[in-house]
């Protein structure tokens, strides 16, 4: 993500297309793991494993904020 957050999960849906912004403006992920990327070394540190919680959360990510996938 552009804010250096890292999410690992399964894509559950993509956004609905609309007339002004086009298709796939949002992506929903069923989260498995998340963390962040160090700003200097660019190494990834994982902080949360969602498989260890009772309910796995779904997050909606705006496509224009995704740096790489």
N, C-alpha and C. Protein backbone atom coordinates (compact mmCIF):
# COMPACT_ATOMS: atom_id res chain seq x y z
N UNK A 1 0.84 -1.17 0.00
CA UNK A 1 0.00 0.00 0.00
C UNK A 1 0.89 1.25 0.00
N UNK A 2 0.34 2.36 -0.38
CA UNK A 2 1.11 3.59 -0.43
C UNK A 2 1.55 4.06 0.96
N UNK A 3 0.88 3.59 2.02
CA UNK A 3 1.27 3.96 3.39
C UNK A 3 2.20 2.93 4.02
N UNK A 4 2.75 2.02 3.21
CA UNK A 4 3.71 0.97 3.58
C UNK A 4 3.07 -0.17 4.39
N UNK A 5 1.75 -0.19 4.51
CA UNK A 5 1.09 -1.33 5.14
C UNK A 5 1.10 -2.50 4.16
N UNK A 6 1.16 -3.72 4.69
CA UNK A 6 1.20 -4.93 3.87
C UNK A 6 0.06 -5.84 4.32
N UNK A 7 -0.72 -6.32 3.37
CA UNK A 7 -1.81 -7.24 3.66
C UNK A 7 -1.66 -8.49 2.81
N UNK A 8 -1.85 -9.65 3.43
CA UNK A 8 -1.86 -10.92 2.72
C UNK A 8 -3.22 -11.55 2.97
N UNK A 9 -3.89 -11.94 1.90
CA UNK A 9 -5.20 -12.53 2.06
C UNK A 9 -5.74 -13.07 0.75
N UNK A 10 -6.99 -13.43 0.78
CA UNK A 10 -7.68 -13.99 -0.37
C UNK A 10 -8.66 -12.94 -0.88
N UNK A 11 -8.62 -12.66 -2.19
CA UNK A 11 -9.55 -11.71 -2.78
C UNK A 11 -10.94 -12.31 -2.75
N UNK A 12 -11.87 -11.61 -2.08
CA UNK A 12 -13.24 -12.10 -2.00
C UNK A 12 -14.15 -11.42 -3.01
N UNK A 13 -13.82 -10.19 -3.39
CA UNK A 13 -14.60 -9.51 -4.43
C UNK A 13 -13.84 -8.28 -4.89
N UNK A 14 -14.23 -7.82 -6.07
CA UNK A 14 -13.70 -6.57 -6.59
C UNK A 14 -14.85 -5.59 -6.71
N UNK A 15 -14.53 -4.33 -6.76
CA UNK A 15 -15.56 -3.30 -6.78
C UNK A 15 -16.40 -3.32 -8.04
N UNK A 16 -17.57 -2.75 -7.92
CA UNK A 16 -18.47 -2.62 -9.05
C UNK A 16 -18.03 -1.46 -9.94
N UNK A 17 -18.08 -1.66 -11.26
CA UNK A 17 -17.72 -0.54 -12.15
C UNK A 17 -18.77 0.56 -12.07
N UNK A 18 -18.31 1.78 -12.30
CA UNK A 18 -19.26 2.88 -12.38
C UNK A 18 -18.91 3.76 -13.57
N UNK A 19 -19.75 4.69 -13.88
CA UNK A 19 -19.59 5.48 -15.10
C UNK A 19 -18.44 6.46 -15.04
N UNK A 20 -18.04 6.93 -13.86
CA UNK A 20 -17.02 7.95 -13.78
C UNK A 20 -15.63 7.41 -13.50
N UNK A 21 -15.52 6.29 -12.75
CA UNK A 21 -14.20 5.81 -12.35
C UNK A 21 -13.78 4.51 -13.02
N UNK A 22 -14.68 3.85 -13.75
CA UNK A 22 -14.33 2.61 -14.41
C UNK A 22 -14.43 1.41 -13.49
N UNK A 23 -13.94 0.24 -13.95
CA UNK A 23 -14.09 -1.00 -13.19
C UNK A 23 -13.06 -1.16 -12.07
N UNK A 24 -13.41 -2.02 -11.12
CA UNK A 24 -12.47 -2.50 -10.11
C UNK A 24 -11.77 -1.40 -9.31
N UNK A 25 -12.54 -0.50 -8.72
CA UNK A 25 -11.95 0.58 -7.94
C UNK A 25 -11.60 0.14 -6.52
N UNK A 26 -12.19 -0.96 -6.05
CA UNK A 26 -11.93 -1.47 -4.71
C UNK A 26 -11.75 -2.98 -4.76
N UNK A 27 -10.97 -3.49 -3.82
CA UNK A 27 -10.74 -4.93 -3.71
C UNK A 27 -10.99 -5.32 -2.26
N UNK A 28 -11.75 -6.38 -2.04
CA UNK A 28 -11.99 -6.90 -0.69
C UNK A 28 -11.10 -8.11 -0.46
N UNK A 29 -10.40 -8.13 0.68
CA UNK A 29 -9.52 -9.24 1.03
C UNK A 29 -9.98 -9.87 2.34
N UNK A 30 -10.01 -11.19 2.37
CA UNK A 30 -10.17 -11.94 3.61
C UNK A 30 -8.76 -12.07 4.16
N UNK A 31 -8.48 -11.34 5.24
CA UNK A 31 -7.11 -11.22 5.73
C UNK A 31 -6.58 -12.49 6.36
N UNK A 32 -5.33 -12.79 6.06
CA UNK A 32 -4.60 -13.89 6.68
C UNK A 32 -3.48 -13.35 7.57
N UNK A 33 -2.76 -12.34 7.06
CA UNK A 33 -1.63 -11.75 7.77
C UNK A 33 -1.52 -10.29 7.35
N UNK A 34 -1.03 -9.44 8.27
CA UNK A 34 -0.77 -8.05 7.91
C UNK A 34 0.48 -7.56 8.63
N UNK A 35 1.01 -6.47 8.16
CA UNK A 35 2.20 -5.89 8.75
C UNK A 35 2.54 -4.58 8.06
N UNK A 36 3.83 -4.28 8.00
CA UNK A 36 4.27 -3.03 7.39
C UNK A 36 5.64 -3.21 6.77
N UNK A 37 5.99 -2.29 5.87
CA UNK A 37 7.29 -2.29 5.22
C UNK A 37 8.13 -1.16 5.82
N UNK A 38 9.35 -1.48 6.25
CA UNK A 38 10.27 -0.49 6.80
C UNK A 38 10.60 0.55 5.74
N UNK A 39 10.54 1.84 6.10
CA UNK A 39 10.73 2.90 5.11
C UNK A 39 12.14 2.99 4.58
N UNK A 40 13.16 2.58 5.36
CA UNK A 40 14.54 2.68 4.91
C UNK A 40 15.05 1.40 4.25
N UNK A 41 14.84 0.27 4.93
CA UNK A 41 15.35 -1.01 4.42
C UNK A 41 14.38 -1.71 3.48
N UNK A 42 13.11 -1.30 3.51
CA UNK A 42 12.04 -1.89 2.72
C UNK A 42 11.77 -3.36 3.07
N UNK A 43 12.22 -3.79 4.26
CA UNK A 43 11.92 -5.14 4.70
C UNK A 43 10.49 -5.17 5.26
N UNK A 44 9.85 -6.33 5.18
CA UNK A 44 8.48 -6.47 5.66
C UNK A 44 8.50 -7.11 7.05
N UNK A 45 7.76 -6.51 7.97
CA UNK A 45 7.57 -7.05 9.31
C UNK A 45 6.09 -7.39 9.47
N UNK A 46 5.79 -8.66 9.73
CA UNK A 46 4.41 -9.07 9.93
C UNK A 46 4.06 -8.93 11.41
N UNK A 47 2.92 -8.31 11.68
CA UNK A 47 2.54 -8.02 13.06
C UNK A 47 1.30 -8.78 13.52
N UNK A 48 0.43 -9.18 12.59
CA UNK A 48 -0.82 -9.84 12.98
C UNK A 48 -1.08 -11.05 12.10
N UNK A 49 -1.37 -12.19 12.74
CA UNK A 49 -1.79 -13.40 12.03
C UNK A 49 -3.27 -13.61 12.34
N UNK A 50 -4.10 -13.40 11.33
CA UNK A 50 -5.55 -13.46 11.54
C UNK A 50 -6.07 -14.88 11.67
N UNK A 51 -5.26 -15.88 11.34
CA UNK A 51 -5.70 -17.27 11.53
C UNK A 51 -5.79 -17.61 13.01
N UNK A 52 -5.18 -16.80 13.86
CA UNK A 52 -5.20 -17.03 15.30
C UNK A 52 -6.38 -16.36 16.00
N UNK A 53 -7.18 -15.59 15.27
CA UNK A 53 -8.35 -14.96 15.86
C UNK A 53 -9.60 -15.72 15.44
N UNK A 54 -10.68 -15.57 16.17
CA UNK A 54 -11.90 -16.34 15.90
C UNK A 54 -12.57 -15.96 14.60
N UNK A 55 -12.63 -14.67 14.31
CA UNK A 55 -13.29 -14.20 13.09
C UNK A 55 -12.25 -13.51 12.22
N UNK A 56 -12.06 -14.05 11.01
CA UNK A 56 -11.10 -13.43 10.10
C UNK A 56 -11.75 -12.21 9.45
N UNK A 57 -11.12 -11.06 9.56
CA UNK A 57 -11.72 -9.83 9.02
C UNK A 57 -11.56 -9.72 7.51
N UNK A 58 -12.47 -8.97 6.92
CA UNK A 58 -12.39 -8.62 5.51
C UNK A 58 -12.10 -7.13 5.45
N UNK A 59 -11.14 -6.76 4.61
CA UNK A 59 -10.77 -5.35 4.47
C UNK A 59 -11.02 -4.92 3.03
N UNK A 60 -11.44 -3.67 2.86
CA UNK A 60 -11.65 -3.10 1.53
C UNK A 60 -10.50 -2.14 1.25
N UNK A 61 -9.80 -2.40 0.14
CA UNK A 61 -8.66 -1.58 -0.25
C UNK A 61 -8.98 -0.82 -1.53
N UNK A 62 -8.68 0.47 -1.55
CA UNK A 62 -8.88 1.26 -2.76
C UNK A 62 -7.73 0.98 -3.72
N UNK A 63 -8.08 0.69 -4.95
CA UNK A 63 -7.08 0.26 -5.93
C UNK A 63 -6.01 1.33 -6.17
N UNK A 64 -6.35 2.60 -6.11
CA UNK A 64 -5.36 3.64 -6.37
C UNK A 64 -4.33 3.78 -5.25
N UNK A 65 -4.56 3.14 -4.09
CA UNK A 65 -3.58 3.16 -2.99
C UNK A 65 -2.68 1.94 -2.99
N UNK A 66 -2.95 0.96 -3.86
CA UNK A 66 -2.14 -0.25 -3.94
C UNK A 66 -0.91 0.03 -4.78
N UNK A 67 0.28 -0.20 -4.19
CA UNK A 67 1.54 0.03 -4.89
C UNK A 67 1.96 -1.20 -5.66
N UNK A 68 1.83 -2.38 -5.06
CA UNK A 68 2.16 -3.63 -5.75
C UNK A 68 1.28 -4.75 -5.22
N UNK A 69 1.12 -5.77 -6.04
CA UNK A 69 0.30 -6.92 -5.64
C UNK A 69 0.95 -8.19 -6.12
